[in-house]
Protein backbone atom coordinates (compact mmCIF):
# COMPACT_ATOMS: atom_id res chain seq x y z
CA MET A 1 -21.18 -2.00 6.13
CA LYS A 2 -18.51 -4.19 4.55
CA LYS A 3 -15.37 -2.21 5.39
CA ILE A 4 -14.51 -0.08 8.43
CA ILE A 5 -11.43 2.04 9.20
CA VAL A 6 -10.27 2.67 12.76
CA PRO A 7 -7.51 5.32 13.06
CA VAL A 8 -5.55 4.61 16.26
CA ASP A 9 -2.79 6.12 18.38
CA PHE A 10 -2.70 3.12 20.76
CA SER A 11 -4.44 5.11 23.52
CA GLU A 12 -7.32 3.95 25.70
CA HIS A 13 -9.80 5.86 23.56
CA SER A 14 -8.40 4.15 20.46
CA GLU A 15 -9.20 0.84 22.15
CA PHE A 16 -12.77 1.99 22.77
CA ALA A 17 -13.10 2.78 19.06
CA LEU A 18 -11.50 -0.53 18.04
CA GLU A 19 -13.86 -2.55 20.23
CA ALA A 20 -16.87 -0.61 18.96
CA ALA A 21 -15.77 -1.19 15.36
CA ALA A 22 -15.22 -4.90 16.11
CA ASN A 23 -18.78 -5.17 17.47
CA ILE A 24 -20.16 -3.62 14.30
CA ALA A 25 -17.89 -5.74 12.09
CA ARG A 26 -18.98 -8.95 13.78
CA LYS A 27 -22.66 -8.17 13.22
CA HIS A 28 -22.18 -7.23 9.58
CA LYS A 29 -19.25 -9.50 8.65
CA SER A 30 -17.14 -6.44 7.91
CA GLU A 31 -13.42 -6.14 7.31
CA LEU A 32 -11.45 -3.86 9.65
CA PHE A 33 -8.61 -1.59 8.57
CA VAL A 34 -6.68 -0.35 11.61
CA LEU A 35 -4.67 2.73 10.66
CA HIS A 36 -1.76 4.28 12.56
CA MET A 37 -0.09 7.47 11.36
CA LEU A 38 3.52 8.14 12.25
CA GLU A 39 4.65 11.71 12.84
CA LEU A 40 7.79 11.57 10.72
CA SER A 41 9.17 14.52 8.79
CA ASN A 42 9.81 14.28 5.08
CA ALA A 43 13.51 14.81 5.83
CA ILE A 44 13.68 11.60 7.85
CA ILE A 45 11.85 9.59 5.19
CA SER A 46 13.72 10.81 2.12
CA ALA A 47 17.18 11.78 3.39
CA ASP A 48 20.21 10.01 1.98
CA ASN A 49 21.83 10.08 5.40
CA GLU A 50 21.97 6.47 6.59
CA SER A 51 21.33 7.36 10.22
CA LEU A 52 18.12 9.23 9.30
CA ASN A 53 16.85 6.29 7.26
CA GLU A 54 17.63 4.04 10.19
CA GLU A 55 15.57 6.34 12.42
CA ALA A 56 12.59 6.05 10.07
CA THR A 57 12.96 2.27 10.00
CA PHE A 58 13.12 2.22 13.81
CA TYR A 59 9.82 4.10 14.15
CA VAL A 60 8.10 1.86 11.62
CA LYS A 61 9.32 -1.28 13.42
CA LEU A 62 8.23 0.20 16.75
CA ALA A 63 4.74 0.84 15.34
CA GLU A 64 4.60 -2.72 14.04
CA GLN A 65 5.44 -4.04 17.52
CA LYS A 66 2.79 -1.81 19.10
CA PHE A 67 0.28 -3.06 16.54
CA GLU A 68 1.04 -6.67 17.42
CA ALA A 69 0.20 -6.07 21.08
CA PHE A 70 -2.67 -3.65 20.37
CA LEU A 71 -4.46 -6.07 18.05
CA ASP A 72 -4.08 -9.03 20.40
CA LYS A 73 -7.67 -8.76 21.63
CA ALA A 74 -10.23 -11.50 22.15
CA TYR A 75 -12.95 -9.41 20.50
CA LEU A 76 -10.91 -9.35 17.24
CA ARG A 77 -10.72 -13.12 16.91
CA ASP A 78 -12.21 -14.51 13.69
CA LEU A 79 -12.42 -10.99 12.19
CA LYS A 80 -10.44 -9.93 9.14
CA VAL A 81 -8.12 -7.17 10.41
CA THR A 82 -5.61 -5.33 8.21
CA PRO A 83 -3.11 -3.03 9.97
CA ILE A 84 -1.91 -0.01 7.96
CA ILE A 85 0.97 2.33 8.82
CA LYS A 86 1.33 5.72 7.17
CA HIS A 87 4.54 7.70 7.58
CA PHE A 88 2.99 11.12 7.96
CA LYS A 89 0.35 12.57 10.24
CA VAL A 90 -1.76 14.04 7.44
CA TRP A 91 -5.38 13.45 8.40
CA ARG A 92 -6.83 13.82 4.91
CA GLU A 93 -4.99 10.55 4.19
CA VAL A 94 -7.61 8.74 6.27
CA ASN A 95 -10.16 9.72 3.64
CA ASP A 96 -7.73 8.66 0.88
CA VAL A 97 -7.33 5.22 2.48
CA ALA A 98 -11.12 5.00 2.87
CA ASN A 99 -11.68 5.78 -0.81
CA GLU A 100 -8.91 3.42 -1.98
CA ASN A 101 -10.43 0.52 -0.04
CA GLY A 102 -14.14 1.23 -0.54
CA VAL A 103 -14.68 1.86 3.17
CA ASN A 104 -18.23 2.54 4.44
CA LEU A 105 -17.49 3.88 7.93
CA ILE A 106 -14.70 5.44 10.01
CA VAL A 107 -14.77 4.79 13.77
CA MET A 108 -12.68 7.01 16.05
CA GLY A 109 -12.15 7.43 19.74
CA SER A 110 -12.33 10.89 21.25
CA HIS A 111 -11.67 12.42 24.64
CA GLY A 112 -14.78 14.69 24.19
CA ALA A 113 -17.62 14.96 26.70
CA SER A 114 -15.47 17.29 28.78
CA GLY A 115 -18.07 20.01 28.78
CA VAL A 116 -15.42 22.42 27.50
CA LYS A 117 -16.53 24.25 24.36
CA GLY A 118 -14.09 23.50 21.56
CA ALA A 119 -12.68 20.35 23.15
CA ILE A 120 -12.86 18.54 19.82
CA VAL A 121 -11.81 21.45 17.61
CA GLY A 122 -8.17 21.03 16.65
CA SER A 123 -8.14 17.39 17.68
CA ASN A 124 -7.34 14.46 15.43
CA THR A 125 -11.01 13.45 15.45
CA GLU A 126 -12.13 16.84 14.18
CA LYS A 127 -9.47 16.78 11.45
CA VAL A 128 -10.67 13.39 10.21
CA ILE A 129 -14.28 14.61 10.20
CA ARG A 130 -13.31 17.63 8.12
CA HIS A 131 -11.79 15.56 5.33
CA SER A 132 -14.01 12.49 5.39
CA ASP A 133 -16.40 11.69 2.56
CA VAL A 134 -17.81 8.73 4.51
CA PRO A 135 -19.65 8.77 7.86
CA VAL A 136 -17.50 9.11 10.98
CA LEU A 137 -18.64 7.48 14.23
CA VAL A 138 -17.15 9.10 17.35
CA ILE A 139 -16.86 6.86 20.43
CA LYS A 140 -15.99 8.39 23.80
CA HIS A 141 -16.57 5.59 26.28
CA ASN A 142 -15.98 1.90 26.71
CA PRO A 143 -18.60 0.30 24.43
CA ILE A 144 -19.85 -2.25 26.97
CA LEU A 145 -23.18 -2.49 25.17
CA LEU A 146 -23.22 -1.12 21.65
CA ASP A 147 -26.60 -1.82 20.12
CA PHE A 148 -27.88 0.87 17.81
CA ASP A 149 -31.63 0.34 18.14
CA ASN A 150 -32.71 3.98 18.24
CA GLY A 151 -30.88 6.75 16.41
CA VAL A 152 -31.61 10.47 16.29
CA PHE A 153 -30.96 12.54 13.18
CA ALA A 154 -31.19 16.23 14.00
CA SER A 155 -32.11 18.49 11.10
CA ASP A 156 -33.35 21.96 10.24
CA PHE A 157 -35.00 20.39 7.16
CA SER A 158 -33.32 22.77 4.73
CA GLU A 159 -32.39 21.73 1.18
CA GLU A 160 -28.73 21.29 2.06
CA ALA A 161 -29.75 18.79 4.73
CA ILE A 162 -31.18 16.41 2.12
CA ARG A 163 -27.89 14.71 1.22
CA PRO A 164 -26.81 13.97 4.81
CA TYR A 165 -30.36 12.84 5.62
CA LEU A 166 -30.38 10.32 2.77
CA ASN A 167 -26.89 9.08 3.70
CA ALA A 168 -27.92 8.75 7.35
CA LYS A 169 -31.06 6.90 6.33
CA VAL A 170 -29.00 4.30 4.43
CA THR A 171 -26.46 3.97 7.26
CA PHE A 172 -29.15 3.64 9.93
CA GLY A 173 -30.70 0.87 7.85
CA LYS A 174 -27.39 -0.97 7.61
CA ILE A 175 -26.77 -0.89 11.36
CA GLY A 176 -30.40 -1.71 12.16
CA ALA A 177 -31.26 1.55 13.93
CA LYS A 178 -34.71 3.14 13.85
CA MET A 179 -34.38 6.74 12.68
CA HIS A 180 -36.02 9.46 14.76
CA LEU A 181 -35.94 12.86 13.05
CA VAL A 182 -35.91 15.89 15.32
CA TYR A 183 -36.40 19.59 14.68
CA VAL A 184 -35.60 21.88 17.61
CA ASN A 185 -37.55 25.13 17.82
CA SER A 186 -35.39 27.41 19.92
CA PRO A 187 -34.78 31.11 20.63
CA ASP A 188 -31.14 30.69 19.51
CA GLY A 189 -32.26 29.37 16.11
CA ASN A 190 -34.84 30.61 13.60
CA PHE A 191 -37.97 30.29 15.71
CA ARG A 192 -40.93 29.21 13.57
CA SER A 193 -44.63 28.65 14.06
CA SER A 194 -46.06 25.12 14.05
CA ALA A 195 -47.60 25.73 10.61
CA GLU A 196 -44.25 26.93 9.21
CA ILE A 197 -42.45 23.88 10.58
CA ASP A 198 -45.05 21.46 9.19
CA LYS A 199 -44.74 23.02 5.75
CA ARG A 200 -40.93 23.01 5.91
CA VAL A 201 -40.78 19.35 6.96
CA SER A 202 -43.31 18.15 4.38
CA ASN A 203 -41.51 20.00 1.56
CA PHE A 204 -38.23 18.48 2.71
CA LEU A 205 -39.51 14.90 2.77
CA LYS A 206 -41.22 15.28 -0.60
CA LYS A 207 -37.92 16.39 -2.16
CA ALA A 208 -35.79 13.86 -0.29
CA ASP A 209 -37.99 10.74 -0.34
CA GLY A 210 -40.67 11.59 -2.88
CA HIS A 211 -43.34 10.85 -0.27
CA LEU A 212 -44.33 11.66 3.32
CA ASP A 213 -44.06 8.17 4.85
CA ASN A 214 -41.31 9.28 7.24
CA MET A 215 -43.48 12.10 8.63
CA VAL A 216 -44.52 9.81 11.51
CA ASN A 217 -40.89 9.72 12.67
CA VAL A 218 -40.49 13.51 12.81
CA HIS A 219 -40.49 15.10 16.25
CA VAL A 220 -40.63 18.84 16.91
CA VAL A 221 -39.34 19.90 20.31
CA SER A 222 -38.86 23.28 21.98
CA ASP A 223 -35.87 24.04 24.16
CA TYR A 224 -33.61 26.87 25.28
CA SER A 225 -30.98 25.92 22.69
CA ILE A 226 -30.78 23.60 19.71
CA GLU A 227 -28.00 21.59 21.33
CA LYS A 228 -30.03 21.08 24.54
CA GLY A 229 -33.06 20.15 22.51
CA ILE A 230 -31.16 17.44 20.63
CA LEU A 231 -29.55 16.02 23.76
CA ASN A 232 -32.74 16.15 25.87
CA PHE A 233 -34.81 14.53 23.12
CA SER A 234 -32.19 11.81 22.66
CA ASN A 235 -32.25 11.05 26.38
CA THR A 236 -36.06 11.06 26.47
CA ILE A 237 -36.44 8.38 23.79
CA GLY A 238 -33.47 6.34 25.03
CA ALA A 239 -31.40 6.90 21.89
CA ASP A 240 -28.21 4.91 21.30
CA LEU A 241 -26.79 7.23 18.65
CA ILE A 242 -26.97 10.87 17.54
CA ALA A 243 -26.34 11.83 13.92
CA VAL A 244 -25.47 15.33 12.75
CA ALA A 245 -24.16 16.89 9.54
CA THR A 246 -20.93 18.76 8.87
CA HIS A 247 -19.72 21.09 6.16
CA GLY A 248 -16.50 19.08 5.94
CA ARG A 249 -13.43 21.25 5.34
CA LYS A 250 -15.27 24.27 6.66
CA GLY A 251 -15.22 22.66 10.09
CA LEU A 252 -17.88 21.24 12.34
CA ALA A 253 -20.39 24.06 11.94
CA HIS A 254 -23.22 22.75 9.79
CA PHE A 255 -26.66 23.75 8.58
CA PHE A 256 -27.78 24.88 12.01
CA GLU A 257 -26.75 28.40 12.93
CA GLY A 258 -23.59 28.40 15.05
CA SER A 259 -21.63 25.22 15.73
CA ILE A 260 -24.24 22.72 16.86
CA SER A 261 -22.33 19.70 15.55
CA GLU A 262 -19.33 20.72 17.62
CA ASP A 263 -21.41 21.30 20.77
CA VAL A 264 -23.34 18.04 20.44
CA ALA A 265 -20.16 16.05 19.76
CA ASN A 266 -18.47 17.64 22.77
CA HIS A 267 -21.27 17.25 25.28
CA SER A 268 -23.05 14.08 24.27
CA THR A 269 -22.33 10.94 26.23
CA LEU A 270 -23.77 8.96 23.31
CA PRO A 271 -21.83 7.99 20.19
CA VAL A 272 -22.09 10.72 17.56
CA MET A 273 -22.03 10.07 13.81
CA THR A 274 -21.28 12.81 11.30
CA PHE A 275 -22.39 13.05 7.67
CA LYS A 276 -20.89 15.46 5.17
CA ILE A 277 -23.14 17.99 3.45
C-alpha cells in the first residue's frame, strides 16, 4: 500500500476520506496524492482570448489556495503529500493518474448511507468506481477509529468472482484485515441447497487458491435479501469493512443478480471497498 489517491472537492466528506487515507498511509508509510478536478470547459483552457485565459488562471490559483488550507491538517504532518490539479472534471482521469503513479488504492468520501436507492448512482464516487482499475475505498463518516481488523468479502463464488477475490485477498493482507467470506442464500438470488453451495465454494477455492485452506473462513447465511444478508452478517461479526465487486464501466451491478454493490454501498454505515471484475 505504497501510494494512495484521494480525489477531493474540499467538502466535509472529502476531509473524511483524506483523514482515512492519512491513517492508512501512516501505518504503511504510503505516499498520498490529493487530486482536485476543476470544471473548466475546453474553450476556457485553449482560447486565444486573453480574458478567458485569465479566467482559467484564476480558477487554478483559487484551487491552489484552497489546497493550502485544506492540507493544513495535523494528521498530515510527516506524511508525503502531493497535490494534483486537473483542469477538467473527467472522472476516468483518476484512473489515469493512478496508473501513471503506480497507485494501490483510491479513497473517496461519499454522502451515501441515505437509505435512498440510487443515492450513489450518478455521483462522482460512482463514476470513479466505474473507471478504476485499482480498489476504491468509500468513506461516509468521520473516521474516528479506522482499524481494519475484520473485513467481509461477499461473493456468489462464481468463476468471474475469482479475480476480485484474489485482489481483495492481497489488499486485506496489506491492511492487516482478516477476511471473512460470505455467501448469502436468499429468495431474491439463486437459492441453493447446502450440498450445492458446498460444492460451488470448494470448486471456487480450488480454482482460485489451488487448495481449500480458506474454507474455514467461508460463512453461509440465509436472509430475505442478499444485501440484508451481507449487512446483517457484517454487523454480527463486528466487521470494519465490506468488500464487493463491480463490473466497472457497466456500473455498480456485479456478479450478484441485481445491483447488490450499489445497495450495499448506499446502505452500509461501514466503509465499502470495491474491486473490479
